[in-house]
């Protein structure tokens, strides 16, 4: 076996080899600790504050992914993304200037979340409070308590998560289950199937489904309601009643989308597909149901953008 050294290469090859070696040497020098420390020191307080916010956002998302159901993770992603969306852009040259007490309160809240975050995730309600506590801590590290007005919208969006968690826990599912079963029965009839509804049971020839628990669609309804509130705060329409109408339409759209999911589940149960139960479990469990959440969100965003474009066209802008 022969080995080709650099000295045996032609002139063009040696030049390319030398350039690659110089580039690698420069990269290694840039990664040296003194250079990394110099770059770290070159960051101003605004960059450090943004880096701290990103680190805690990723920390909370990772904890949520490891300990929560997928629909809870989606809710957290929605409110955290919405909080960034409604945050007022700081003026040029802005630097965080926390108050004396607020600085220590903010640091204490972040340390508590790092230390007890995994334990708090064992409770759905306390887990829903963590993004809000992180937002309060970051706001206190950016400005004194008397000057938190630019962060109020973002904190209000983060406060929606514990509200949604409480509503999801306290809302009785009986009426919603019956309404969803009725809607699924109507959809099946429109598709040409003979269906019978008995309370929460939707029965077809050869089988049926019982609408209960997560099948009631409260999770999809609340997710679309979250999106509607965030859009109303981030992209308000000309009149408040228009945003109010879209907020009312969002849960209704969620009920319709979930009715489509129950209709599909009923068809899978009574079908002759060899892998019908696999498809049934997929759309019945959380990950499959999130596909219908995505469809509902896409429909809502399309309606919202369409209505706003009509308003802009009417103004001649």
Protein backbone atom coordinates (compact mmCIF):
# COMPACT_ATOMS: atom_id res chain seq x y z
CA UNK A 1 0.00 0.00 0.00
CA UNK A 2 1.44 3.35 -1.03
CA UNK A 3 1.06 6.64 0.81
CA UNK A 4 0.96 9.96 -1.02
CA UNK A 5 2.49 12.84 0.92
CA UNK A 6 2.01 16.51 0.37
CA UNK A 7 5.43 16.86 -1.22
CA UNK A 8 4.47 14.40 -3.99
CA UNK A 9 1.46 16.48 -5.04
CA UNK A 10 1.61 18.84 -8.00
CA UNK A 11 1.90 22.61 -7.39
CA UNK A 12 -1.86 23.25 -7.62
CA UNK A 13 -2.56 20.39 -5.23
CA UNK A 14 0.02 21.63 -2.74
CA UNK A 15 -1.50 25.13 -2.89
CA UNK A 16 -5.01 23.80 -2.21
CA UNK A 17 -3.69 21.60 0.61
CA UNK A 18 -1.90 24.60 2.13
CA UNK A 19 -5.02 26.76 1.94
CA UNK A 20 -7.10 24.05 3.65
CA UNK A 21 -4.49 23.68 6.37
CA UNK A 22 -4.44 27.45 6.95
CA UNK A 23 -8.23 27.54 7.11
CA UNK A 24 -8.30 24.69 9.64
CA UNK A 25 -5.63 26.39 11.71
CA UNK A 26 -7.60 29.65 11.73
CA UNK A 27 -10.76 27.80 12.75
CA UNK A 28 -8.98 26.07 15.63
CA UNK A 29 -7.48 29.37 16.75
CA UNK A 30 -10.95 30.96 16.67
CA UNK A 31 -12.24 28.13 18.90
CA UNK A 32 -9.49 28.66 21.45
CA UNK A 33 -10.66 29.67 24.92
CA UNK A 34 -9.14 33.19 24.85
CA UNK A 35 -10.99 33.98 21.62
CA UNK A 36 -14.25 32.51 22.91
CA UNK A 37 -13.92 34.57 26.08
CA UNK A 38 -13.20 37.67 24.03
CA UNK A 39 -16.32 37.10 21.94
CA UNK A 40 -18.36 36.51 25.08
CA UNK A 41 -17.10 39.77 26.58
CA UNK A 42 -17.92 41.60 23.35
CA UNK A 43 -21.63 40.77 23.78
CA UNK A 44 -23.57 43.67 25.22
CA UNK A 45 -26.30 43.31 27.86
CA UNK A 46 -29.02 43.19 25.22
CA UNK A 47 -27.40 40.20 23.50
CA UNK A 48 -26.92 38.42 26.82
CA UNK A 49 -30.55 39.03 27.79
CA UNK A 50 -31.74 37.60 24.47
CA UNK A 51 -29.41 34.60 24.87
CA UNK A 52 -30.77 33.98 28.39
CA UNK A 53 -34.36 34.12 27.11
CA UNK A 54 -33.56 31.63 24.34
CA UNK A 55 -31.84 29.24 26.76
CA UNK A 56 -34.81 29.18 29.14
CA UNK A 57 -37.28 28.79 26.28
CA UNK A 58 -35.38 25.72 25.06
CA UNK A 59 -35.10 24.43 28.65
CA UNK A 60 -38.87 24.63 29.18
CA UNK A 61 -39.60 23.04 25.80
CA UNK A 62 -37.23 20.17 26.53
CA UNK A 63 -38.83 19.56 29.95
CA UNK A 64 -42.27 19.67 28.39
CA UNK A 65 -41.32 17.22 25.63
CA UNK A 66 -39.96 14.77 28.20
CA UNK A 67 -42.83 14.95 30.69
CA UNK A 68 -46.04 16.19 29.00
CA UNK A 69 -48.52 14.97 26.39
CA UNK A 70 -48.04 16.28 22.83
CA UNK A 71 -51.09 18.58 22.99
CA UNK A 72 -49.69 20.23 26.15
CA UNK A 73 -46.34 20.71 24.38
CA UNK A 74 -48.16 22.31 21.45
CA UNK A 75 -49.98 24.71 23.78
CA UNK A 76 -46.68 25.74 25.35
CA UNK A 77 -45.13 26.32 21.92
CA UNK A 78 -48.12 28.42 20.90
CA UNK A 79 -47.99 30.74 23.91
CA UNK A 80 -44.20 31.09 23.83
CA UNK A 81 -44.25 31.88 20.12
CA UNK A 82 -47.18 34.24 20.66
CA UNK A 83 -45.32 36.03 23.46
CA UNK A 84 -42.44 36.73 21.07
CA UNK A 85 -44.89 37.76 18.34
CA UNK A 86 -46.67 40.41 20.42
CA UNK A 87 -43.50 41.75 22.07
CA UNK A 88 -42.92 45.35 21.10
CA UNK A 89 -39.61 45.82 19.31
CA UNK A 90 -37.25 47.75 21.61
CA UNK A 91 -35.85 51.02 20.25
CA UNK A 92 -32.37 51.15 18.78
CA UNK A 93 -29.72 51.20 21.44
CA UNK A 94 -31.99 49.72 24.10
CA UNK A 95 -30.17 47.97 26.93
CA UNK A 96 -31.70 46.04 29.86
CA UNK A 97 -31.55 48.06 33.07
CA UNK A 98 -33.19 46.08 35.86
CA UNK A 99 -34.10 47.57 39.21
CA UNK A 100 -32.17 46.70 42.33
CA UNK A 101 -34.81 44.42 43.84
CA UNK A 102 -36.14 43.20 40.49
CA UNK A 103 -32.70 41.94 39.50
CA UNK A 104 -32.54 39.61 42.48
CA UNK A 105 -36.17 38.53 42.17
CA UNK A 106 -35.64 37.67 38.50
CA UNK A 107 -32.49 35.67 39.21
CA UNK A 108 -34.23 33.86 42.08
CA UNK A 109 -37.17 32.86 39.87
CA UNK A 110 -34.86 31.48 37.18
CA UNK A 111 -32.81 29.53 39.74
CA UNK A 112 -35.98 28.05 41.26
CA UNK A 113 -37.14 26.94 37.79
CA UNK A 114 -33.80 25.32 37.07
CA UNK A 115 -33.76 23.54 40.42
CA UNK A 116 -37.41 22.49 40.72
CA UNK A 117 -38.52 22.56 37.07
CA UNK A 118 -38.68 18.81 36.61
CA UNK A 119 -40.66 18.35 39.84
CA UNK A 120 -43.12 21.09 38.91
CA UNK A 121 -43.72 19.40 35.56
CA UNK A 122 -45.42 16.53 37.40
CA UNK A 123 -48.45 18.81 37.90
CA UNK A 124 -50.17 20.08 34.75
CA UNK A 125 -51.21 23.36 36.37
CA UNK A 126 -47.80 24.17 37.87
CA UNK A 127 -46.17 23.17 34.59
CA UNK A 128 -48.39 25.70 32.81
CA UNK A 129 -47.17 28.42 35.19
CA UNK A 130 -43.48 27.98 34.32
CA UNK A 131 -43.48 30.01 31.05
CA UNK A 132 -45.26 32.87 32.83
CA UNK A 133 -42.76 32.79 35.72
CA UNK A 134 -39.89 32.76 33.23
CA UNK A 135 -41.43 35.71 31.39
CA UNK A 136 -41.80 37.68 34.64
CA UNK A 137 -38.20 36.88 35.59
CA UNK A 138 -36.84 37.97 32.20
CA UNK A 139 -38.94 41.15 32.27
CA UNK A 140 -37.59 42.03 35.73
CA UNK A 141 -34.06 41.47 34.42
CA UNK A 142 -34.77 43.91 31.59
CA UNK A 143 -36.48 46.83 33.35
CA UNK A 144 -37.65 48.00 36.80
CA UNK A 145 -41.06 46.83 37.97
CA UNK A 146 -42.51 50.29 37.27
CA UNK A 147 -41.45 50.16 33.60
CA UNK A 148 -42.71 46.75 32.49
CA UNK A 149 -45.39 48.14 30.18
CA UNK A 150 -43.63 46.98 26.95
CA UNK A 151 -43.74 43.39 28.28
CA UNK A 152 -47.41 43.36 29.38
CA UNK A 153 -48.77 41.89 26.13
CA UNK A 154 -46.24 39.07 26.19
CA UNK A 155 -46.97 38.32 29.84
CA UNK A 156 -50.71 38.27 29.08
CA UNK A 157 -50.12 35.70 26.32
CA UNK A 158 -48.02 33.55 28.67
CA UNK A 159 -50.79 33.83 31.29
CA UNK A 160 -53.17 32.16 28.83
CA UNK A 161 -51.46 28.80 29.38
CA UNK A 162 -52.53 28.32 33.03
CA UNK A 163 -56.00 29.59 32.10
CA UNK A 164 -56.26 26.99 29.33
CA UNK A 165 -54.95 24.30 31.69
CA UNK A 166 -57.58 25.18 34.31
CA UNK A 167 -60.39 25.28 31.74
CA UNK A 168 -59.26 21.93 30.33
CA UNK A 169 -59.39 20.39 33.80
CA UNK A 170 -62.62 21.95 35.09
CA UNK A 171 -64.84 21.86 31.99
CA UNK A 172 -67.41 19.02 32.00
CA UNK A 173 -67.11 17.06 28.76
CA UNK A 174 -70.63 15.60 28.66
CA UNK A 175 -72.39 18.32 26.61
CA UNK A 176 -69.43 18.69 24.24
CA UNK A 177 -69.25 14.91 23.72
CA UNK A 178 -72.96 14.77 22.83
CA UNK A 179 -72.63 17.73 20.44
CA UNK A 180 -69.59 16.15 18.75
CA UNK A 181 -71.39 12.81 18.40
CA UNK A 182 -74.38 14.57 16.81
CA UNK A 183 -72.11 16.43 14.39
CA UNK A 184 -70.27 13.22 13.44
CA UNK A 185 -73.62 11.53 12.80
CA UNK A 186 -74.65 14.38 10.47
CA UNK A 187 -71.35 14.18 8.59
CA UNK A 188 -71.74 10.43 8.15
CA UNK A 189 -75.28 10.93 6.84
CA UNK A 190 -74.04 13.53 4.34
CA UNK A 191 -71.42 11.01 3.14
CA UNK A 192 -74.18 8.48 2.48
CA UNK A 193 -73.80 6.25 5.56
CA UNK A 194 -76.66 5.20 7.80
CA UNK A 195 -75.66 6.29 11.29
CA UNK A 196 -77.49 6.37 14.61
CA UNK A 197 -76.61 8.59 17.55
CA UNK A 198 -77.39 7.44 21.08
CA UNK A 199 -76.01 10.06 23.45
CA UNK A 200 -72.25 9.91 22.99
CA UNK A 201 -72.41 6.74 20.85
CA UNK A 202 -72.25 6.98 17.06
CA UNK A 203 -73.30 3.62 15.65
CA UNK A 204 -72.83 2.31 12.13
CA UNK A 205 -73.55 -1.08 10.63
CA UNK A 206 -70.73 -3.24 11.91
CA UNK A 207 -69.49 -1.02 14.73
CA UNK A 208 -69.38 2.40 16.25
CA UNK A 209 -67.43 4.85 18.41
CA UNK A 210 -68.09 6.40 21.81
CA UNK A 211 -67.19 10.08 22.03
CA UNK A 212 -65.68 10.64 25.46
CA UNK A 213 -62.59 12.04 27.15
CA UNK A 214 -60.08 13.46 24.67
CA UNK A 215 -62.39 12.51 21.79
CA UNK A 216 -64.72 15.32 22.87
CA UNK A 217 -62.26 17.71 21.23
CA UNK A 218 -61.79 20.20 24.05
CA UNK A 219 -58.04 20.24 23.40
CA UNK A 220 -58.47 21.20 19.72
CA UNK A 221 -61.06 23.81 20.69
CA UNK A 222 -58.75 25.45 23.23
CA UNK A 223 -55.77 25.40 20.86
CA UNK A 224 -57.72 27.27 18.19
CA UNK A 225 -58.96 29.69 20.84
CA UNK A 226 -55.33 30.34 21.83
CA UNK A 227 -54.41 31.05 18.21
CA UNK A 228 -57.39 33.41 17.85
CA UNK A 229 -56.45 35.44 20.94
CA UNK A 230 -52.78 35.64 19.89
CA UNK A 231 -53.74 36.81 16.38
CA UNK A 232 -56.11 39.40 17.84
CA UNK A 233 -53.27 40.82 19.96
CA UNK A 234 -50.52 40.57 17.34
CA UNK A 235 -52.53 41.52 14.21
CA UNK A 236 -55.62 43.44 15.38
CA UNK A 237 -58.29 44.19 12.82
CA UNK A 238 -59.87 47.60 12.24
CA UNK A 239 -62.75 47.04 14.67
CA UNK A 240 -62.83 45.11 17.93
CA UNK A 241 -66.05 43.31 17.00
CA UNK A 242 -64.20 41.72 14.07
CA UNK A 243 -61.57 40.26 16.38
CA UNK A 244 -64.34 39.21 18.76
CA UNK A 245 -66.13 37.41 15.94
CA UNK A 246 -62.96 35.52 14.98
CA UNK A 247 -62.44 34.52 18.63
CA UNK A 248 -65.99 33.13 18.70
CA UNK A 249 -65.49 31.35 15.36
CA UNK A 250 -62.27 29.63 16.50
CA UNK A 251 -63.82 27.14 18.97
CA UNK A 252 -66.71 26.49 16.55
CA UNK A 253 -64.14 25.63 13.89
CA UNK A 254 -62.45 23.35 16.43
CA UNK A 255 -65.72 21.49 17.02
CA UNK A 256 -66.19 21.00 13.27
CA UNK A 257 -62.63 19.74 12.77
CA UNK A 258 -62.97 17.32 15.68
CA UNK A 259 -66.29 16.12 14.24
CA UNK A 260 -64.39 15.26 11.08
CA UNK A 261 -61.90 13.27 13.17
CA UNK A 262 -64.67 11.29 14.90
CA UNK A 263 -66.27 10.63 11.51
CA UNK A 264 -62.98 9.25 10.23
CA UNK A 265 -62.58 7.06 13.33
CA UNK A 266 -66.08 5.63 12.85
CA UNK A 267 -65.27 4.81 9.23
CA UNK A 268 -62.05 3.06 10.23
CA UNK A 269 -63.88 0.92 12.81
CA UNK A 270 -66.40 -0.31 10.25
CA UNK A 271 -64.01 -0.61 7.31
CA UNK A 272 -62.50 -3.80 5.93
CA UNK A 273 -58.92 -2.47 5.81
CA UNK A 274 -56.40 -5.02 7.10
CA UNK A 275 -54.62 -2.37 9.22
CA UNK A 276 -57.73 -0.43 10.22
CA UNK A 277 -57.00 -0.59 13.96
CA UNK A 278 -53.55 0.89 13.43
CA UNK A 279 -55.11 3.88 11.66
CA UNK A 280 -57.80 4.10 14.32
CA UNK A 281 -55.24 4.23 17.14
CA UNK A 282 -53.09 6.71 15.23
CA UNK A 283 -55.88 9.28 14.80
CA UNK A 284 -57.33 8.45 18.21
CA UNK A 285 -54.12 9.10 20.13
CA UNK A 286 -52.50 12.47 20.69
CA UNK A 287 -50.07 12.63 17.75
CA UNK A 288 -52.70 11.76 15.18
CA UNK A 289 -55.21 14.18 16.66
CA UNK A 290 -52.61 16.96 16.35
CA UNK A 291 -52.90 16.62 12.57
CA UNK A 292 -56.50 17.79 12.87
CA UNK A 293 -55.38 20.60 15.15
CA UNK A 294 -53.01 21.65 12.38
CA UNK A 295 -55.84 21.54 9.82
CA UNK A 296 -58.00 23.69 12.09
CA UNK A 297 -55.21 26.22 12.62
CA UNK A 298 -54.52 26.39 8.89
CA UNK A 299 -58.21 27.07 8.18
CA UNK A 300 -58.35 29.74 10.88
CA UNK A 301 -55.21 31.50 9.64
CA UNK A 302 -56.55 31.42 6.07
CA UNK A 303 -59.86 32.98 7.17
CA UNK A 304 -58.09 35.61 9.28
CA UNK A 305 -55.67 36.62 6.52
CA UNK A 306 -58.47 36.63 3.93
CA UNK A 307 -60.62 38.96 6.04
CA UNK A 308 -57.70 41.27 6.77
CA UNK A 309 -56.77 41.42 3.08
CA UNK A 310 -60.36 42.40 2.27
CA UNK A 311 -60.12 45.24 4.82
CA UNK A 312 -56.82 46.44 3.35
CA UNK A 313 -58.31 46.30 -0.18
CA UNK A 314 -61.32 48.33 0.99
CA UNK A 315 -58.99 51.03 2.35
CA UNK A 316 -57.12 51.11 -0.98
CA UNK A 317 -53.74 50.54 0.66
